[in-house]
Amino acid sequence: MSQVSHRTVPRVTAELYVEVQQFYARQMPLLEARKLVEFLETMTEDGSIEHRPGGWKLAGRQQLLAEMRARRGDPERPLVEEISARDAREHDVAYYDGLVYRYWFDRMHIEPAGEDTLHVRYQAIVSMTDAAGKVSFEPTTVVEDVLVRIDGELYTRSRVVTHDSPAWADKIHNPS
């Protein structure tokens, strides 16, 4: 008979789980509403977002703000041509013009990693809806966040988005 080794993971209280859920419930609608400065205020000054595989990493509120302003676009503008995320960055195109996007999280796992640090892992998908009501999706992902507590508030220190498709950055978004 073989023995199975189980790593002991600290239990998360219901209060902490709800606090993290509420943090994301405040944070992600800011991005969906393209309130980029307010969204970035939920991250540490040196916060980072990285896309894997074959993607890019941006660090610091200023670098993140510049990239987000260039890519997030405006839902009131005409729908952007069919373009991939990689080509949108290369050609400086607002990838999400003409689209309302929503972030959907599931299977959240929270692991305390010190007195004021949490590792949070969840699965995510992004839906995009155009003015005609057509819905499309980005490739699914696993997201790993490091949240830190500063003066009693949670902030994202880092976010690593691992796309389930190795060709995610070359996928045409919202195809016709």
N, C-alpha and C. Protein backbone atom coordinates (compact mmCIF):
# COMPACT_ATOMS: atom_id res chain seq x y z
N MET A 1 0.85 -1.16 0.00
CA MET A 1 0.00 0.00 0.00
C MET A 1 0.90 1.24 0.00
N SER A 2 0.66 2.15 -0.93
CA SER A 2 1.47 3.36 -1.00
C SER A 2 0.83 4.45 -0.15
N GLN A 3 1.69 5.31 0.36
CA GLN A 3 1.19 6.43 1.14
C GLN A 3 1.16 7.67 0.28
N VAL A 4 0.12 8.43 0.44
CA VAL A 4 -0.03 9.68 -0.29
C VAL A 4 0.38 10.80 0.65
N SER A 5 1.25 11.67 0.15
CA SER A 5 1.68 12.80 0.95
C SER A 5 0.77 13.99 0.67
N HIS A 6 0.26 14.58 1.72
CA HIS A 6 -0.60 15.76 1.58
C HIS A 6 0.10 16.94 2.23
N ARG A 7 0.24 17.99 1.48
CA ARG A 7 0.83 19.21 2.01
C ARG A 7 -0.24 19.92 2.83
N THR A 8 0.13 20.37 3.98
CA THR A 8 -0.81 21.08 4.83
C THR A 8 -0.91 22.52 4.34
N VAL A 9 -2.12 22.93 3.98
CA VAL A 9 -2.37 24.29 3.53
C VAL A 9 -3.16 24.99 4.62
N PRO A 10 -2.69 26.18 5.02
CA PRO A 10 -3.44 26.89 6.06
C PRO A 10 -4.89 27.12 5.63
N ARG A 11 -5.80 26.89 6.55
CA ARG A 11 -7.21 27.12 6.26
C ARG A 11 -7.48 28.62 6.16
N VAL A 12 -8.36 28.94 5.24
CA VAL A 12 -8.77 30.33 5.04
C VAL A 12 -10.12 30.52 5.72
N THR A 13 -10.23 31.56 6.49
CA THR A 13 -11.51 31.83 7.16
C THR A 13 -12.53 32.32 6.15
N ALA A 14 -13.78 32.16 6.49
CA ALA A 14 -14.86 32.67 5.63
C ALA A 14 -14.72 34.19 5.48
N GLU A 15 -14.32 34.88 6.55
CA GLU A 15 -14.15 36.33 6.48
C GLU A 15 -13.09 36.72 5.45
N LEU A 16 -11.96 36.01 5.45
CA LEU A 16 -10.89 36.32 4.51
C LEU A 16 -11.34 36.01 3.08
N TYR A 17 -12.02 34.88 2.89
CA TYR A 17 -12.50 34.51 1.56
C TYR A 17 -13.45 35.58 1.01
N VAL A 18 -14.36 36.05 1.83
CA VAL A 18 -15.30 37.09 1.41
C VAL A 18 -14.55 38.39 1.15
N GLU A 19 -13.57 38.71 1.98
CA GLU A 19 -12.80 39.94 1.77
C GLU A 19 -12.09 39.92 0.41
N VAL A 20 -11.51 38.79 0.05
CA VAL A 20 -10.83 38.68 -1.25
C VAL A 20 -11.85 38.76 -2.38
N GLN A 21 -12.97 38.08 -2.24
CA GLN A 21 -14.03 38.17 -3.25
C GLN A 21 -14.48 39.62 -3.44
N GLN A 22 -14.66 40.34 -2.33
CA GLN A 22 -15.09 41.72 -2.40
C GLN A 22 -14.01 42.61 -3.02
N PHE A 23 -12.76 42.30 -2.78
CA PHE A 23 -11.66 43.04 -3.40
C PHE A 23 -11.79 42.95 -4.93
N TYR A 24 -11.94 41.73 -5.45
CA TYR A 24 -12.08 41.56 -6.90
C TYR A 24 -13.38 42.17 -7.42
N ALA A 25 -14.43 42.11 -6.61
CA ALA A 25 -15.71 42.70 -7.01
C ALA A 25 -15.61 44.22 -7.13
N ARG A 26 -14.66 44.83 -6.41
CA ARG A 26 -14.40 46.28 -6.56
C ARG A 26 -13.39 46.53 -7.68
N GLN A 27 -12.35 45.70 -7.75
CA GLN A 27 -11.25 45.95 -8.68
C GLN A 27 -11.64 45.76 -10.14
N MET A 28 -12.20 44.64 -10.49
CA MET A 28 -12.39 44.30 -11.90
C MET A 28 -13.44 45.16 -12.61
N PRO A 29 -14.54 45.57 -11.96
CA PRO A 29 -15.45 46.50 -12.65
C PRO A 29 -14.79 47.83 -13.01
N LEU A 30 -13.76 48.23 -12.27
CA LEU A 30 -13.03 49.45 -12.64
C LEU A 30 -12.35 49.27 -13.99
N LEU A 31 -11.76 48.09 -14.21
CA LEU A 31 -11.13 47.81 -15.50
C LEU A 31 -12.19 47.70 -16.59
N GLU A 32 -13.28 47.02 -16.29
CA GLU A 32 -14.36 46.88 -17.28
C GLU A 32 -14.93 48.24 -17.68
N ALA A 33 -14.99 49.17 -16.74
CA ALA A 33 -15.50 50.52 -17.01
C ALA A 33 -14.41 51.43 -17.58
N ARG A 34 -13.22 50.87 -17.74
CA ARG A 34 -12.06 51.62 -18.27
C ARG A 34 -11.68 52.79 -17.36
N LYS A 35 -11.92 52.62 -16.09
CA LYS A 35 -11.46 53.59 -15.08
C LYS A 35 -10.05 53.16 -14.69
N LEU A 36 -9.12 53.41 -15.57
CA LEU A 36 -7.78 52.83 -15.47
C LEU A 36 -6.98 53.35 -14.29
N VAL A 37 -7.05 54.65 -14.02
CA VAL A 37 -6.32 55.20 -12.87
C VAL A 37 -6.84 54.57 -11.59
N GLU A 38 -8.16 54.50 -11.45
CA GLU A 38 -8.75 53.91 -10.25
C GLU A 38 -8.41 52.42 -10.15
N PHE A 39 -8.44 51.71 -11.29
CA PHE A 39 -8.05 50.29 -11.28
C PHE A 39 -6.62 50.15 -10.78
N LEU A 40 -5.71 50.97 -11.30
CA LEU A 40 -4.30 50.86 -10.92
C LEU A 40 -4.06 51.27 -9.48
N GLU A 41 -4.95 52.03 -8.90
CA GLU A 41 -4.84 52.36 -7.48
C GLU A 41 -5.13 51.15 -6.60
N THR A 42 -5.66 50.06 -7.17
CA THR A 42 -5.86 48.82 -6.43
C THR A 42 -4.62 47.94 -6.49
N MET A 43 -3.58 48.43 -7.16
CA MET A 43 -2.31 47.72 -7.26
C MET A 43 -1.24 48.53 -6.50
N THR A 44 -0.17 47.86 -6.10
CA THR A 44 0.93 48.58 -5.48
C THR A 44 1.62 49.43 -6.55
N GLU A 45 2.36 50.44 -6.13
CA GLU A 45 3.08 51.33 -7.07
C GLU A 45 3.93 50.53 -8.05
N ASP A 46 4.57 49.47 -7.55
CA ASP A 46 5.46 48.65 -8.39
C ASP A 46 4.75 47.41 -8.92
N GLY A 47 3.42 47.39 -8.83
CA GLY A 47 2.66 46.22 -9.26
C GLY A 47 2.95 45.83 -10.70
N SER A 48 2.77 44.54 -10.99
CA SER A 48 3.07 44.04 -12.34
C SER A 48 1.97 43.11 -12.83
N ILE A 49 1.86 43.06 -14.15
CA ILE A 49 0.97 42.11 -14.82
C ILE A 49 1.79 41.45 -15.92
N GLU A 50 1.77 40.13 -15.91
CA GLU A 50 2.54 39.36 -16.90
C GLU A 50 1.61 38.38 -17.60
N HIS A 51 1.77 38.27 -18.92
CA HIS A 51 1.01 37.30 -19.72
C HIS A 51 1.96 36.23 -20.21
N ARG A 52 1.58 34.96 -19.99
CA ARG A 52 2.37 33.81 -20.41
C ARG A 52 1.49 32.88 -21.22
N PRO A 53 1.99 32.04 -22.05
CA PRO A 53 3.34 32.03 -22.58
C PRO A 53 3.48 33.03 -23.72
N GLY A 54 4.71 33.41 -23.99
CA GLY A 54 5.01 34.25 -25.16
C GLY A 54 4.40 35.62 -25.13
N GLY A 55 4.13 36.13 -23.95
CA GLY A 55 3.49 37.44 -23.85
C GLY A 55 4.46 38.50 -23.38
N TRP A 56 4.00 39.32 -22.48
CA TRP A 56 4.79 40.45 -22.02
C TRP A 56 4.51 40.69 -20.55
N LYS A 57 5.45 41.40 -19.92
CA LYS A 57 5.31 41.78 -18.53
C LYS A 57 5.46 43.29 -18.44
N LEU A 58 4.52 43.91 -17.73
CA LEU A 58 4.56 45.35 -17.50
C LEU A 58 4.58 45.56 -16.00
N ALA A 59 5.39 46.52 -15.55
CA ALA A 59 5.53 46.76 -14.11
C ALA A 59 5.46 48.24 -13.81
N GLY A 60 4.83 48.55 -12.70
CA GLY A 60 4.70 49.93 -12.25
C GLY A 60 3.44 50.56 -12.82
N ARG A 61 2.81 51.39 -12.01
CA ARG A 61 1.54 51.99 -12.42
C ARG A 61 1.68 52.81 -13.71
N GLN A 62 2.78 53.52 -13.89
CA GLN A 62 2.92 54.37 -15.08
C GLN A 62 2.99 53.53 -16.35
N GLN A 63 3.80 52.47 -16.34
CA GLN A 63 3.92 51.60 -17.52
C GLN A 63 2.60 50.89 -17.79
N LEU A 64 1.95 50.43 -16.74
CA LEU A 64 0.65 49.77 -16.91
C LEU A 64 -0.39 50.74 -17.45
N LEU A 65 -0.40 51.96 -16.96
CA LEU A 65 -1.38 52.94 -17.42
C LEU A 65 -1.18 53.26 -18.90
N ALA A 66 0.06 53.45 -19.31
CA ALA A 66 0.33 53.75 -20.72
C ALA A 66 -0.15 52.62 -21.62
N GLU A 67 0.14 51.37 -21.25
CA GLU A 67 -0.28 50.23 -22.06
C GLU A 67 -1.80 50.08 -22.06
N MET A 68 -2.42 50.23 -20.90
CA MET A 68 -3.87 50.07 -20.83
C MET A 68 -4.59 51.16 -21.60
N ARG A 69 -4.12 52.39 -21.52
CA ARG A 69 -4.75 53.47 -22.30
C ARG A 69 -4.65 53.19 -23.80
N ALA A 70 -3.55 52.60 -24.22
CA ALA A 70 -3.35 52.31 -25.64
C ALA A 70 -4.20 51.14 -26.12
N ARG A 71 -4.51 50.18 -25.26
CA ARG A 71 -5.20 48.95 -25.68
C ARG A 71 -6.68 48.90 -25.32
N ARG A 72 -7.09 49.52 -24.24
CA ARG A 72 -8.45 49.32 -23.72
C ARG A 72 -9.53 49.92 -24.59
N GLY A 73 -9.24 50.98 -25.31
CA GLY A 73 -10.21 51.53 -26.24
C GLY A 73 -11.46 52.09 -25.58
N ASP A 74 -12.48 52.24 -26.40
CA ASP A 74 -13.72 52.88 -25.99
C ASP A 74 -14.89 52.08 -26.57
N PRO A 75 -15.84 51.66 -25.73
CA PRO A 75 -16.96 50.88 -26.26
C PRO A 75 -17.86 51.68 -27.20
N GLU A 76 -17.77 53.02 -27.16
CA GLU A 76 -18.60 53.87 -28.01
C GLU A 76 -18.00 54.06 -29.40
N ARG A 77 -16.74 53.75 -29.57
CA ARG A 77 -16.11 53.88 -30.89
C ARG A 77 -16.51 52.69 -31.76
N PRO A 78 -16.31 52.82 -33.07
CA PRO A 78 -16.60 51.67 -33.95
C PRO A 78 -15.73 50.47 -33.58
N LEU A 79 -16.29 49.31 -33.80
CA LEU A 79 -15.58 48.06 -33.53
C LEU A 79 -14.26 48.05 -34.28
N VAL A 80 -13.20 47.73 -33.57
CA VAL A 80 -11.88 47.67 -34.18
C VAL A 80 -11.85 46.53 -35.19
N GLU A 81 -11.00 46.67 -36.19
CA GLU A 81 -10.85 45.60 -37.18
C GLU A 81 -10.44 44.32 -36.48
N GLU A 82 -10.59 43.20 -37.15
CA GLU A 82 -10.15 41.94 -36.58
C GLU A 82 -8.63 41.98 -36.45
N ILE A 83 -8.16 41.84 -35.21
CA ILE A 83 -6.74 41.94 -34.96
C ILE A 83 -6.39 41.12 -33.72
N SER A 84 -5.19 40.61 -33.68
CA SER A 84 -4.74 39.85 -32.51
C SER A 84 -4.16 40.81 -31.47
N ALA A 85 -4.02 40.31 -30.25
CA ALA A 85 -3.42 41.12 -29.18
C ALA A 85 -1.99 41.50 -29.54
N ARG A 86 -1.23 40.56 -30.11
CA ARG A 86 0.15 40.84 -30.48
C ARG A 86 0.23 41.92 -31.57
N ASP A 87 -0.62 41.79 -32.59
CA ASP A 87 -0.61 42.80 -33.66
C ASP A 87 -1.12 44.15 -33.17
N ALA A 88 -2.07 44.14 -32.25
CA ALA A 88 -2.58 45.40 -31.69
C ALA A 88 -1.46 46.14 -30.98
N ARG A 89 -0.63 45.42 -30.24
CA ARG A 89 0.52 46.06 -29.57
C ARG A 89 1.53 46.55 -30.60
N GLU A 90 1.80 45.72 -31.60
CA GLU A 90 2.81 46.08 -32.61
C GLU A 90 2.39 47.30 -33.42
N HIS A 91 1.09 47.41 -33.73
CA HIS A 91 0.59 48.50 -34.57
C HIS A 91 -0.09 49.61 -33.77
N ASP A 92 0.00 49.54 -32.43
CA ASP A 92 -0.56 50.54 -31.53
C ASP A 92 -2.05 50.78 -31.78
N VAL A 93 -2.81 49.68 -31.76
CA VAL A 93 -4.25 49.71 -31.98
C VAL A 93 -4.97 49.48 -30.65
N ALA A 94 -6.04 50.21 -30.41
CA ALA A 94 -6.88 49.99 -29.23
C ALA A 94 -7.70 48.72 -29.46
N TYR A 95 -7.23 47.65 -28.89
CA TYR A 95 -7.75 46.30 -29.10
C TYR A 95 -9.24 46.15 -28.79
N TYR A 96 -9.74 46.89 -27.80
CA TYR A 96 -11.12 46.70 -27.35
C TYR A 96 -12.07 47.81 -27.78
N ASP A 97 -11.74 48.61 -28.80
CA ASP A 97 -12.70 49.59 -29.30
C ASP A 97 -13.97 48.87 -29.73
N GLY A 98 -15.12 49.47 -29.41
CA GLY A 98 -16.40 48.91 -29.84
C GLY A 98 -16.87 47.71 -29.06
N LEU A 99 -16.19 47.39 -27.96
CA LEU A 99 -16.54 46.20 -27.19
C LEU A 99 -16.73 46.52 -25.71
N VAL A 100 -17.68 45.85 -25.11
CA VAL A 100 -17.82 45.82 -23.66
C VAL A 100 -17.22 44.48 -23.25
N TYR A 101 -16.31 44.51 -22.29
CA TYR A 101 -15.71 43.25 -21.85
C TYR A 101 -15.98 43.03 -20.37
N ARG A 102 -16.05 41.77 -20.00
CA ARG A 102 -16.31 41.35 -18.62
C ARG A 102 -15.32 40.25 -18.25
N TYR A 103 -14.91 40.28 -17.00
CA TYR A 103 -14.00 39.26 -16.47
C TYR A 103 -14.79 38.33 -15.57
N TRP A 104 -14.59 37.03 -15.75
CA TRP A 104 -15.31 36.01 -15.00
C TRP A 104 -14.29 35.13 -14.29
N PHE A 105 -14.40 35.03 -12.96
CA PHE A 105 -13.46 34.25 -12.15
C PHE A 105 -14.17 33.06 -11.53
N ASP A 106 -13.42 31.96 -11.36
CA ASP A 106 -13.99 30.76 -10.76
C ASP A 106 -12.87 29.98 -10.07
N ARG A 107 -13.26 29.09 -9.17
CA ARG A 107 -12.35 28.18 -8.48
C ARG A 107 -11.21 28.90 -7.79
N MET A 108 -11.56 29.90 -7.02
CA MET A 108 -10.57 30.70 -6.33
C MET A 108 -9.96 29.92 -5.17
N HIS A 109 -8.63 29.91 -5.15
CA HIS A 109 -7.88 29.28 -4.06
C HIS A 109 -7.01 30.35 -3.42
N ILE A 110 -7.18 30.55 -2.13
CA ILE A 110 -6.45 31.58 -1.39
C ILE A 110 -5.51 30.88 -0.42
N GLU A 111 -4.25 31.29 -0.44
CA GLU A 111 -3.27 30.71 0.47
C GLU A 111 -2.48 31.83 1.15
N PRO A 112 -2.62 31.96 2.46
CA PRO A 112 -1.81 32.94 3.18
C PRO A 112 -0.32 32.62 2.99
N ALA A 113 0.47 33.66 2.78
CA ALA A 113 1.91 33.48 2.56
C ALA A 113 2.69 34.47 3.44
N GLY A 114 2.23 34.63 4.65
CA GLY A 114 2.83 35.59 5.55
C GLY A 114 1.74 36.43 6.18
N GLU A 115 2.14 37.28 7.09
CA GLU A 115 1.16 38.06 7.84
C GLU A 115 0.31 38.95 6.95
N ASP A 116 0.92 39.57 5.93
CA ASP A 116 0.20 40.52 5.09
C ASP A 116 0.24 40.18 3.61
N THR A 117 0.43 38.91 3.29
CA THR A 117 0.55 38.48 1.89
C THR A 117 -0.34 37.28 1.63
N LEU A 118 -1.03 37.31 0.49
CA LEU A 118 -1.88 36.19 0.07
C LEU A 118 -1.49 35.79 -1.35
N HIS A 119 -1.46 34.50 -1.60
CA HIS A 119 -1.34 33.99 -2.97
C HIS A 119 -2.74 33.54 -3.36
N VAL A 120 -3.24 34.09 -4.46
CA VAL A 120 -4.59 33.77 -4.91
C VAL A 120 -4.49 33.23 -6.33
N ARG A 121 -5.07 32.07 -6.54
CA ARG A 121 -5.06 31.42 -7.86
C ARG A 121 -6.51 31.17 -8.27
N TYR A 122 -6.84 31.51 -9.51
CA TYR A 122 -8.20 31.30 -9.98
C TYR A 122 -8.18 31.12 -11.49
N GLN A 123 -9.27 30.59 -12.00
CA GLN A 123 -9.45 30.46 -13.44
C GLN A 123 -10.28 31.63 -13.91
N ALA A 124 -9.98 32.10 -15.12
CA ALA A 124 -10.68 33.29 -15.61
C ALA A 124 -10.96 33.18 -17.10
N ILE A 125 -11.98 33.90 -17.50
CA ILE A 125 -12.32 34.03 -18.91
C ILE A 125 -12.80 35.46 -19.12
N VAL A 126 -12.56 35.98 -20.31
CA VAL A 126 -13.00 37.33 -20.66
C VAL A 126 -14.03 37.20 -21.77
N SER A 127 -15.21 37.79 -21.54
CA SER A 127 -16.22 37.85 -22.60
C SER A 127 -16.19 39.25 -23.20
N MET A 128 -16.50 39.33 -24.49
CA MET A 128 -16.55 40.60 -25.20
C MET A 128 -17.88 40.67 -25.95
N THR A 129 -18.59 41.78 -25.79
CA THR A 129 -19.88 41.96 -26.45
C THR A 129 -19.81 43.21 -27.31
N ASP A 130 -20.20 43.06 -28.59
CA ASP A 130 -20.19 44.23 -29.48
C ASP A 130 -21.56 44.90 -29.44
N ALA A 131 -21.70 46.02 -30.13
CA ALA A 131 -22.93 46.82 -30.10
C ALA A 131 -24.14 46.04 -30.63
N ALA A 132 -23.91 45.06 -31.50
CA ALA A 132 -25.00 44.26 -32.04
C ALA A 132 -25.41 43.14 -31.09
N GLY A 133 -24.66 42.97 -29.98
CA GLY A 133 -24.98 41.93 -29.02
C GLY A 133 -24.24 40.62 -29.23
N LYS A 134 -23.34 40.57 -30.21
CA LYS A 134 -22.55 39.36 -30.43
C LYS A 134 -21.52 39.22 -29.31
N VAL A 135 -21.46 38.01 -28.74
CA VAL A 135 -20.53 37.73 -27.66
C VAL A 135 -19.45 36.79 -28.16
N SER A 136 -18.20 37.10 -27.81
CA SER A 136 -17.09 36.20 -28.09
C SER A 136 -16.24 36.13 -26.84
N PHE A 137 -15.28 35.22 -26.83
CA PHE A 137 -14.47 34.99 -25.64
C PHE A 137 -12.99 34.98 -25.98
N GLU A 138 -12.19 35.43 -25.03
CA GLU A 138 -10.75 35.28 -25.10
C GLU A 138 -10.43 33.86 -24.64
N PRO A 139 -9.24 33.33 -24.97
CA PRO A 139 -8.88 32.00 -24.45
C PRO A 139 -8.88 32.00 -22.91
N THR A 140 -9.25 30.86 -22.34
CA THR A 140 -9.30 30.72 -20.89
C THR A 140 -7.90 30.84 -20.29
N THR A 141 -7.86 31.18 -19.00
CA THR A 141 -6.59 31.41 -18.33
C THR A 141 -6.61 30.89 -16.90
N VAL A 142 -5.41 30.76 -16.35
CA VAL A 142 -5.22 30.60 -14.92
C VAL A 142 -4.48 31.85 -14.48
N VAL A 143 -4.97 32.48 -13.42
CA VAL A 143 -4.38 33.72 -12.93
C VAL A 143 -3.83 33.47 -11.53
N GLU A 144 -2.61 33.95 -11.32
CA GLU A 144 -1.99 33.86 -10.00
C GLU A 144 -1.64 35.27 -9.55
N ASP A 145 -2.30 35.70 -8.48
CA ASP A 145 -2.08 37.03 -7.93
C ASP A 145 -1.35 36.93 -6.60
N VAL A 146 -0.53 37.91 -6.33
CA VAL A 146 -0.01 38.13 -4.99
C VAL A 146 -0.68 39.40 -4.48
N LEU A 147 -1.48 39.22 -3.43
CA LEU A 147 -2.15 40.35 -2.80
C LEU A 147 -1.41 40.68 -1.51
N VAL A 148 -1.28 41.97 -1.24
CA VAL A 148 -0.64 42.41 -0.01
C VAL A 148 -1.58 43.35 0.73
N ARG A 149 -1.48 43.31 2.05
CA ARG A 149 -2.30 44.19 2.88
C ARG A 149 -1.42 45.35 3.32
N ILE A 150 -1.86 46.56 2.98
CA ILE A 150 -1.16 47.78 3.37
C ILE A 150 -2.18 48.67 4.08
N ASP A 151 -1.87 49.03 5.30
CA ASP A 151 -2.77 49.86 6.11
C ASP A 151 -4.20 49.30 6.12
N GLY A 152 -4.29 47.98 6.21
CA GLY A 152 -5.59 47.33 6.32
C GLY A 152 -6.31 47.06 5.01
N GLU A 153 -5.77 47.53 3.88
CA GLU A 153 -6.41 47.35 2.57
C GLU A 153 -5.62 46.36 1.71
N LEU A 154 -6.33 45.60 0.88
CA LEU A 154 -5.67 44.69 -0.05
C LEU A 154 -5.30 45.42 -1.34
N TYR A 155 -4.13 45.06 -1.88
CA TYR A 155 -3.63 45.57 -3.16
C TYR A 155 -3.01 44.41 -3.92
N THR A 156 -3.04 44.49 -5.24
CA THR A 156 -2.37 43.49 -6.07
C THR A 156 -0.92 43.91 -6.25
N ARG A 157 0.01 43.05 -5.85
CA ARG A 157 1.43 43.30 -6.08
C ARG A 157 1.85 42.74 -7.43
N SER A 158 1.32 41.57 -7.75
CA SER A 158 1.65 40.99 -9.06
C SER A 158 0.51 40.10 -9.53
N ARG A 159 0.39 40.02 -10.84
CA ARG A 159 -0.61 39.18 -11.49
C ARG A 159 0.09 38.49 -12.65
N VAL A 160 0.03 37.16 -12.65
CA VAL A 160 0.55 36.37 -13.77
C VAL A 160 -0.63 35.65 -14.40
N VAL A 161 -0.87 35.94 -15.67
CA VAL A 161 -1.97 35.36 -16.42
C VAL A 161 -1.38 34.33 -17.36
N THR A 162 -1.70 33.06 -17.11
CA THR A 162 -1.20 31.98 -17.97
C THR A 162 -2.35 31.51 -18.84
N HIS A 163 -2.22 31.78 -20.12
CA HIS A 163 -3.27 31.45 -21.10
C HIS A 163 -3.23 29.97 -21.42
N ASP A 164 -4.38 29.36 -21.54
CA ASP A 164 -4.46 27.93 -21.82
C ASP A 164 -4.03 27.59 -23.24
N SER A 165 -4.07 28.55 -24.14
CA SER A 165 -3.62 28.34 -25.51
C SER A 165 -2.25 29.00 -25.70
N PRO A 166 -1.26 28.25 -26.19
CA PRO A 166 0.04 28.87 -26.42
C PRO A 166 -0.02 29.95 -27.50
N ALA A 167 -1.05 29.94 -28.34
CA ALA A 167 -1.18 30.91 -29.43
C ALA A 167 -2.17 32.03 -29.06
N TRP A 168 -2.43 32.22 -27.78
CA TRP A 168 -3.45 33.18 -27.33
C TRP A 168 -3.23 34.58 -27.89
N ALA A 169 -1.98 35.04 -27.95
CA ALA A 169 -1.70 36.42 -28.36
C ALA A 169 -1.91 36.62 -29.86
N ASP A 170 -2.02 35.52 -30.61
CA ASP A 170 -2.19 35.61 -32.05
C ASP A 170 -3.61 35.31 -32.50
N LYS A 171 -4.49 35.02 -31.53
CA LYS A 171 -5.90 34.75 -31.83
C LYS A 171 -6.58 36.05 -32.24
N ILE A 172 -7.39 36.00 -33.28
CA ILE A 172 -8.18 37.16 -33.68
C ILE A 172 -9.32 37.31 -32.69
N HIS A 173 -9.43 38.46 -32.06
CA HIS A 173 -10.50 38.65 -31.10
C HIS A 173 -11.79 39.06 -31.81
N ASN A 174 -12.89 38.70 -31.21
CA ASN A 174 -14.22 39.05 -31.71
C ASN A 174 -14.35 38.85 -33.23
N PRO A 175 -14.03 37.64 -33.71
CA PRO A 175 -14.12 37.41 -35.17
C PRO A 175 -15.53 37.55 -35.71
N SER A 176 -15.62 38.02 -36.94
CA SER A 176 -16.95 38.21 -37.53
C SER A 176 -17.52 36.91 -38.05
